[in-house]
Amino acid sequence: MSLLEFLQNNISTNDSLDEIINVFEEMCKTPIEEDLLLNEYGVYDFTGEDLFYYDLVRQYPDGEDEYYQLRVSIMFSPDEQNRNLQDTLWNDDTDENFFDYIRKSDGYDYANNHKLKSIDIRIDQT
């Protein structure tokens, strides 16, 4: 099973943020050389509609000087609270365990305490 299929088969809109992060963390135990992890969140208009995105990304080389980005985007309706939340963290920006660190973030606190609108699990190429 591919990493994308693993995520798609084990994450649903009924899951809590903790459950989603646990699945993503489990997927990250599959070794890939030169991978980086990214957590970013904020209100963006990627689809013509403002949404609060809480993204988990695993980036790794595609072998041709670009990168694959395996992405779990968890979307929420925008509100006054999440409009002020925005951050980007790469795992090499902290000495702490990446998943412990993001579980202490303001974006995590927000997303863990609000009902998600939808989830998009995909792989992109930079």
C-alpha atoms as a PDB file:
ATOM      1  CA  MET A   1       0.000   0.000   0.000  1.00  0.00           C
ATOM      2  CA  SER A   2       1.352   3.452  -0.876  1.00  0.00           C
ATOM      3  CA  LEU A   3       1.720   6.174   1.733  1.00  0.00           C
ATOM      4  CA  LEU A   4      -1.104   8.108   0.072  1.00  0.00           C
ATOM      5  CA  GLU A   5      -3.406   5.086   0.209  1.00  0.00           C
ATOM      6  CA  PHE A   6      -2.463   4.512   3.844  1.00  0.00           C
ATOM      7  CA  LEU A   7      -3.565   8.034   4.727  1.00  0.00           C
ATOM      8  CA  GLN A   8      -6.729   7.854   2.609  1.00  0.00           C
ATOM      9  CA  ASN A   9      -7.717   4.510   4.152  1.00  0.00           C
ATOM     10  CA  ASN A  10      -7.068   5.570   7.745  1.00  0.00           C
ATOM     11  CA  ILE A  11      -8.318   9.164   7.941  1.00  0.00           C
ATOM     12  CA  SER A  12     -11.929  10.320   7.765  1.00  0.00           C
ATOM     13  CA  THR A  13     -13.940  13.440   8.567  1.00  0.00           C
ATOM     14  CA  ASN A  14     -15.230  11.618  11.657  1.00  0.00           C
ATOM     15  CA  ASP A  15     -11.729  11.532  13.170  1.00  0.00           C
ATOM     16  CA  SER A  16     -10.475  13.979  15.757  1.00  0.00           C
ATOM     17  CA  LEU A  17      -7.404  16.061  15.014  1.00  0.00           C
ATOM     18  CA  ASP A  18      -5.430  13.852  17.412  1.00  0.00           C
ATOM     19  CA  GLU A  19      -6.471  10.742  15.484  1.00  0.00           C
ATOM     20  CA  ILE A  20      -5.498  12.364  12.179  1.00  0.00           C
ATOM     21  CA  ILE A  21      -2.101  13.436  13.519  1.00  0.00           C
ATOM     22  CA  ASN A  22      -1.534   9.942  14.946  1.00  0.00           C
ATOM     23  CA  VAL A  23      -2.179   8.383  11.516  1.00  0.00           C
ATOM     24  CA  PHE A  24       0.113  10.926   9.850  1.00  0.00           C
ATOM     25  CA  GLU A  25       2.811  10.261  12.455  1.00  0.00           C
ATOM     26  CA  GLU A  26       2.481   6.512  11.882  1.00  0.00           C
ATOM     27  CA  MET A  27       2.877   7.048   8.127  1.00  0.00           C
ATOM     28  CA  CYS A  28       6.050   9.054   8.808  1.00  0.00           C
ATOM     29  CA  LYS A  29       7.658   5.981  10.386  1.00  0.00           C
ATOM     30  CA  THR A  30       8.058   4.573   6.866  1.00  0.00           C
ATOM     31  CA  PRO A  31      11.592   5.656   5.974  1.00  0.00           C
ATOM     32  CA  ILE A  32      12.166   8.058   3.095  1.00  0.00           C
ATOM     33  CA  GLU A  33      15.567   9.639   2.511  1.00  0.00           C
ATOM     34  CA  GLU A  34      15.780  13.400   2.851  1.00  0.00           C
ATOM     35  CA  ASP A  35      12.189  13.938   3.913  1.00  0.00           C
ATOM     36  CA  LEU A  36      10.960  17.017   5.747  1.00  0.00           C
ATOM     37  CA  LEU A  37       7.770  17.529   7.699  1.00  0.00           C
ATOM     38  CA  LEU A  38       5.716  20.698   7.582  1.00  0.00           C
ATOM     39  CA  ASN A  39       2.812  21.971   9.653  1.00  0.00           C
ATOM     40  CA  GLU A  40       1.133  25.123   8.441  1.00  0.00           C
ATOM     41  CA  TYR A  41      -2.152  26.761   9.194  1.00  0.00           C
ATOM     42  CA  GLY A  42      -4.062  29.900   8.386  1.00  0.00           C
ATOM     43  CA  VAL A  43      -7.020  31.282   6.462  1.00  0.00           C
ATOM     44  CA  TYR A  44      -6.480  31.047   2.702  1.00  0.00           C
ATOM     45  CA  ASP A  45      -8.552  31.340  -0.458  1.00  0.00           C
ATOM     46  CA  PHE A  46      -7.203  28.414  -2.504  1.00  0.00           C
ATOM     47  CA  THR A  47     -10.598  27.474  -3.978  1.00  0.00           C
ATOM     48  CA  GLY A  48     -12.446  30.786  -4.268  1.00  0.00           C
ATOM     49  CA  GLU A  49     -13.667  30.457  -0.677  1.00  0.00           C
ATOM     50  CA  ASP A  50     -11.898  31.538   2.496  1.00  0.00           C
ATOM     51  CA  LEU A  51     -11.194  28.499   4.682  1.00  0.00           C
ATOM     52  CA  PHE A  52      -8.981  27.880   7.688  1.00  0.00           C
ATOM     53  CA  TYR A  53      -6.464  25.218   6.628  1.00  0.00           C
ATOM     54  CA  TYR A  54      -4.567  23.033   9.068  1.00  0.00           C
ATOM     55  CA  ASP A  55      -2.016  21.164   6.933  1.00  0.00           C
ATOM     56  CA  LEU A  56       0.320  18.280   7.635  1.00  0.00           C
ATOM     57  CA  VAL A  57       2.886  17.757   4.879  1.00  0.00           C
ATOM     58  CA  ARG A  58       5.652  15.257   4.247  1.00  0.00           C
ATOM     59  CA  GLN A  59       8.010  16.468   1.544  1.00  0.00           C
ATOM     60  CA  TYR A  60      10.639  14.323  -0.168  1.00  0.00           C
ATOM     61  CA  PRO A  61      12.724  14.446  -3.364  1.00  0.00           C
ATOM     62  CA  ASP A  62      11.160  13.241  -6.609  1.00  0.00           C
ATOM     63  CA  GLY A  63      14.567  12.331  -8.061  1.00  0.00           C
ATOM     64  CA  GLU A  64      14.511  15.179 -10.585  1.00  0.00           C
ATOM     65  CA  ASP A  65      15.433  18.239  -8.474  1.00  0.00           C
ATOM     66  CA  GLU A  66      11.857  18.814  -7.318  1.00  0.00           C
ATOM     67  CA  TYR A  67       9.779  17.424  -4.460  1.00  0.00           C
ATOM     68  CA  TYR A  68       6.674  15.430  -3.736  1.00  0.00           C
ATOM     69  CA  GLN A  69       4.430  16.820  -1.039  1.00  0.00           C
ATOM     70  CA  LEU A  70       2.146  14.301   0.611  1.00  0.00           C
ATOM     71  CA  ARG A  71      -0.490  16.537   2.169  1.00  0.00           C
ATOM     72  CA  VAL A  72      -3.375  16.223   4.613  1.00  0.00           C
ATOM     73  CA  SER A  73      -5.391  19.454   4.507  1.00  0.00           C
ATOM     74  CA  ILE A  74      -8.007  19.782   7.225  1.00  0.00           C
ATOM     75  CA  MET A  75     -10.397  22.633   6.505  1.00  0.00           C
ATOM     76  CA  PHE A  76     -12.618  24.654   8.805  1.00  0.00           C
ATOM     77  CA  SER A  77     -15.064  27.479   8.224  1.00  0.00           C
ATOM     78  CA  PRO A  78     -13.413  30.823   8.898  1.00  0.00           C
ATOM     79  CA  ASP A  79     -14.342  32.716  12.044  1.00  0.00           C
ATOM     80  CA  GLU A  80     -13.000  35.614  14.094  1.00  0.00           C
ATOM     81  CA  GLN A  81     -10.721  33.325  16.108  1.00  0.00           C
ATOM     82  CA  ASN A  82      -9.002  31.459  13.267  1.00  0.00           C
ATOM     83  CA  ARG A  83      -8.568  34.540  11.064  1.00  0.00           C
ATOM     84  CA  ASN A  84      -5.804  35.607  13.460  1.00  0.00           C
ATOM     85  CA  LEU A  85      -4.001  32.256  13.429  1.00  0.00           C
ATOM     86  CA  GLN A  86      -1.182  31.623  10.979  1.00  0.00           C
ATOM     87  CA  ASP A  87       2.095  29.725  11.223  1.00  0.00           C
ATOM     88  CA  THR A  88       4.506  27.577   9.227  1.00  0.00           C
ATOM     89  CA  LEU A  89       6.860  25.109  10.901  1.00  0.00           C
ATOM     90  CA  TRP A  90       9.326  22.706   9.298  1.00  0.00           C
ATOM     91  CA  ASN A  91      10.554  19.855  11.476  1.00  0.00           C
ATOM     92  CA  ASP A  92      14.148  21.041  11.104  1.00  0.00           C
ATOM     93  CA  ASP A  93      13.143  24.369  12.721  1.00  0.00           C
ATOM     94  CA  THR A  94      12.804  22.732  16.155  1.00  0.00           C
ATOM     95  CA  ASP A  95      14.932  20.421  18.270  1.00  0.00           C
ATOM     96  CA  GLU A  96      11.792  19.104  19.940  1.00  0.00           C
ATOM     97  CA  ASN A  97       9.829  16.145  18.594  1.00  0.00           C
ATOM     98  CA  PHE A  98       7.881  17.645  15.682  1.00  0.00           C
ATOM     99  CA  PHE A  99       4.547  16.078  16.631  1.00  0.00           C
ATOM    100  CA  ASP A 100       4.861  17.061  20.306  1.00  0.00           C
ATOM    101  CA  TYR A 101       5.703  20.593  19.224  1.00  0.00           C
ATOM    102  CA  ILE A 102       2.747  21.046  16.887  1.00  0.00           C
ATOM    103  CA  ARG A 103       0.364  19.662  19.526  1.00  0.00           C
ATOM    104  CA  LYS A 104       1.267  22.716  21.634  1.00  0.00           C
ATOM    105  CA  SER A 105       0.554  25.255  18.881  1.00  0.00           C
ATOM    106  CA  ASP A 106      -2.323  27.721  18.733  1.00  0.00           C
ATOM    107  CA  GLY A 107      -3.445  26.221  15.420  1.00  0.00           C
ATOM    108  CA  TYR A 108      -3.629  22.763  16.965  1.00  0.00           C
ATOM    109  CA  ASP A 109      -5.585  24.118  19.933  1.00  0.00           C
ATOM    110  CA  TYR A 110      -8.080  25.744  17.579  1.00  0.00           C
ATOM    111  CA  ALA A 111      -8.425  22.786  15.194  1.00  0.00           C
ATOM    112  CA  ASN A 112      -8.712  20.282  18.027  1.00  0.00           C
ATOM    113  CA  ASN A 113     -11.645  22.171  19.532  1.00  0.00           C
ATOM    114  CA  HIS A 114     -13.702  22.926  16.418  1.00  0.00           C
ATOM    115  CA  LYS A 115     -15.645  20.801  13.963  1.00  0.00           C
ATOM    116  CA  LEU A 116     -13.837  20.313  10.680  1.00  0.00           C
ATOM    117  CA  LYS A 117     -15.588  21.056   7.414  1.00  0.00           C
ATOM    118  CA  SER A 118     -13.650  18.720   5.123  1.00  0.00           C
ATOM    119  CA  ILE A 119     -10.366  16.896   4.545  1.00  0.00           C
ATOM    120  CA  ASP A 120      -8.282  16.690   1.387  1.00  0.00           C
ATOM    121  CA  ILE A 121      -5.548  14.032   1.213  1.00  0.00           C
ATOM    122  CA  ARG A 122      -3.327  14.265  -1.846  1.00  0.00           C
ATOM    123  CA  ILE A 123       0.166  14.247  -3.254  1.00  0.00           C
ATOM    124  CA  ASP A 124       1.487  17.226  -5.183  1.00  0.00           C
ATOM    125  CA  GLN A 125       4.739  17.914  -6.945  1.00  0.00           C
ATOM    126  CA  THR A 126       6.638  21.187  -6.544  1.00  0.00           C
END
